[in-house]
Amino acid sequence: MEFKYIAILLCLILGVFLSLKEWRRSNKARLIWRLAASYLAIVCFALFIFPISYQVKRAERPHELNVLTEGVSKDTINSLKGRIVTTDVRFDQALKVPRLSLLPDLSYFLKSQPDLNHLNIYGYGLPAAQLAELKDYQLNFHPAAQPEGLISGNWNSRLSDAEQLTLQGVYHHSGALPVKLFLQGLGANLDSVTIKTKGEHTFSLKGRPKQSGRAVYQVIALQGKDTLANEPVPVQVQPAAPLKVLMLAAYPDFEYKFLKDWFFEKKYPVIFRSRISKDKYSTDFLNTERSNVNKVTVTLLSKIDVLILDEDELAALSGAELAAINTAVDGGLGLFFRLTGLKASSAIGRSFSRYESPGLKNKSLTIGFPGEERLFHPLPFEQLLFLKPGINDQPLVVENTGKVLVNSRISGMGKVVAALVPATYHWLLNGQAADYSAFWSEIMTHTARKTYLSESWVMEPAKPMARQRLNITVDQSAANKAALVALNGSRLSPLQNPELPFQWQATSWATEEGWNRMSINGKTEFFYVYREKDWKTENQVAKLKVTSTFIKAQEKSRKSLETSVLIEKPVSLWWFFIPFLIAVTFLWYETKLL
C-alpha cells in the first residue's frame, strides 16, 4: 500500500479519535468550535504531508534558430545568441565565423530537428522557393538596409534590326556624388543618364543595334572614376521581315521620292501610285510583281503591311475605297498619312486636332522621340503647324520644346499615324542618313501590321543563373500537338496545361553560363544564363521584397504557431501552517484557560 493512503487512513483515525474524545468530555461548552478546530488541524497536517498544486498556462519559449543571409552586418552577428546557420556557401566562406554552421539543405535539417519552431532570418532574406518550404514555421525577418545600385532592369532582349533597344530600370542612389549610367554596346556608348539626388530613380536608356545576331551589351554605373556596376544586357537582333508598302500620292514630291528609294534599298516590296488626273495614275512596282492598283480594295490591302498617303489623296478617294481602308485598318493594317494644312479635308484627318504656333517662325526644326535626350540634326525649314494629342493618343515625334509632330492611335487591330513633318529628305541631302534611317525605321516599326507567331515561349526566372531551376512555358496554335522542347541537345518532357490545352510546360536546370541553345518544335532559340555576380543588387532587393511579403502573409497564422504549456505550481505551505497554528492554539487555550 502506498504511503499516501496510509497517511490518509491515519488522519481519518485521528479525526474519529478526536471526535469521540470531544463528545465524551463532560464540559460541552464550545463543542462545535472544538470539533471544527480539530478537523482544521487534521486537514492542515495532511496538507503538510501532501502539498497541493494548481496548473497555469504559460507560453512556451520557442526553440529558435538564427538563419544568416547575405547583407547581415558583423555587429549583428556578434550580438546574436544561440545557434547561427546559413545556406549560402559563398557567404559562409566570406564570413569565416567559427560558430556559423553551413546547412546545404535547410528544409532537411529542420525535419531532423522537430523541436525547432522559430526561425530568425537576418540579411537580404531567402528566395521564394526556400521560403515556401518554411510555411509551417514561425518566421521573424530582420532585413538589411537596401543596397545601392541597379535594383531593377528590363529590356526588349529579342528585337529586329529596325527596332530600338530600350532598357528601363530603377537605380537606388545613396551617396553624395552623382552617378552616371551608360548603355554600352560593342565598345560604343549608345546612351547615358545622370542621377544626382538620393533615393530610387527610374531611368531609360536607348540605342539602336548596328548588327544582327547575338551580343552582350553592358549597363555601367560610374561615380567619378569608380565603377559601381557593370551588368550584362544580352540581346538578340534578327533581320526585320521586309514590309509590304503601298504609297498613294496626290502628286509626287521629294519626300515620296526619297522615301520610296529608301524602301527599295532595304528590299521592301513597294507599290507607288501617283495621281495624274481623275482615275489616271502613274505607278511604280519595286521588289514586287505588277498588279492592278487603280482601285483600293480590301483584297489589295490584305497583302499590305503599311499604307502611306497624304491627306489630299485621302480626300480624293471614293467612299468604297475609304470603307475598304477603314476595314483593313481594323483588321490590322497600319495607316500613315501626311497632313498638309491647318484645315482638315478628310474624316480621318478631322480626328487629329491641329493648331498653329508662331513661336518657331524663322527657326529651323529640331525633333526627337518622346522621352529621349538625343535629338536629330535640325531640318532647315520653319514649322508652324502642330498636333494636339488626345487622351488615347501616343505621340511618336516631338519638337524640342515638346510640341507634337507625329501622333498615333489604335483603331481596331491596326494603328493610324498622322504626321506633320513635310521634308525629312533634307537629312539625306545634308549627309545625315543615320537620322533619316532612324526616324523612318521607328515610324514604320510602330505603324506596320503586327505579325503573330504560331508559337511563343517564356522562361522563369527572367534572368536565369547557373544551377538554377528553369520553368519553360510554350504557347502554340496547335492545341492537339505536343510541344517538342530540347535544351542544349537534351530532350525535355513538357506537360500539357489541363485548363489551357495550347500551353505546355517543361522544367530543367541551367548548367552553362552565357548563351544556351533551346529547340522548340525544331526551331532554334537562344537564351542567356547569367553569372552569380550579375545583377546582384537586383537579386538582393528581390529577396528583400519576397521575404518581407512572405512574412507579412504569415502574420495572420502566427498566433496558431505559438504553443503554450500547463505548469504545475505548488500552493505555499504557509497557507496551511497558519490555520494549523490557529487551530491548535485555540484548542490549547480553550482547555487551559476557559
Foldseek 3Di string as FASTA:
>chain_A
DDPLVVLVVVLVVQLVVQLVVLVPDPDVPCSVVLNVLSNLLSVLVSCVVVFAWDKDWDFDDADEEEEEDPQFDPVVVVPDDDQYEYCDPVVCVVVVDVRYHHDVQPLVVCVVVVRHAEYEYEELFDDPVNVVSNLRHAYHYDYHDADFFFQFWDWAQEEALLDKIKIKGKTADDDQFKKKKFWFFPHDTAFIDIGHDGGIDIDMGMGRDPDAAKGWIWIWIDGPPDTPDTFTRIHGYHHDDAFAEEEEEQADDPVVVVVVVVSLVSLHFYWYWYDPDVLDIDIDTHNDDDDDPSAQALVVLVRGFEYEYEQVRVLSHDPRNVVSVLVSQLVFHFYEYEYDDQDHRDPVRVVWHKDFDCPQPPHWWWKDFPPGPDIDDTHPDTDGMFTDDDPQKDAGMATPVGTGAKIKHHRNNFIYIYGHDDPPCVCVVVVNVVVVSSVVSSVCVRGTGDDDDQKDKDWPPNAAAAFDKIKMKMAGNDLVDDKWKAWQNHTWDWDADPVRSRMTITMDGHHDAAKIWMAINNDIDIDGHHYCPHSVSNVSNVSNVSRVVSSVVCPVVSVVSTDMDMDIGTDDSVVSVVSSVVSVVVVVCVVPPD
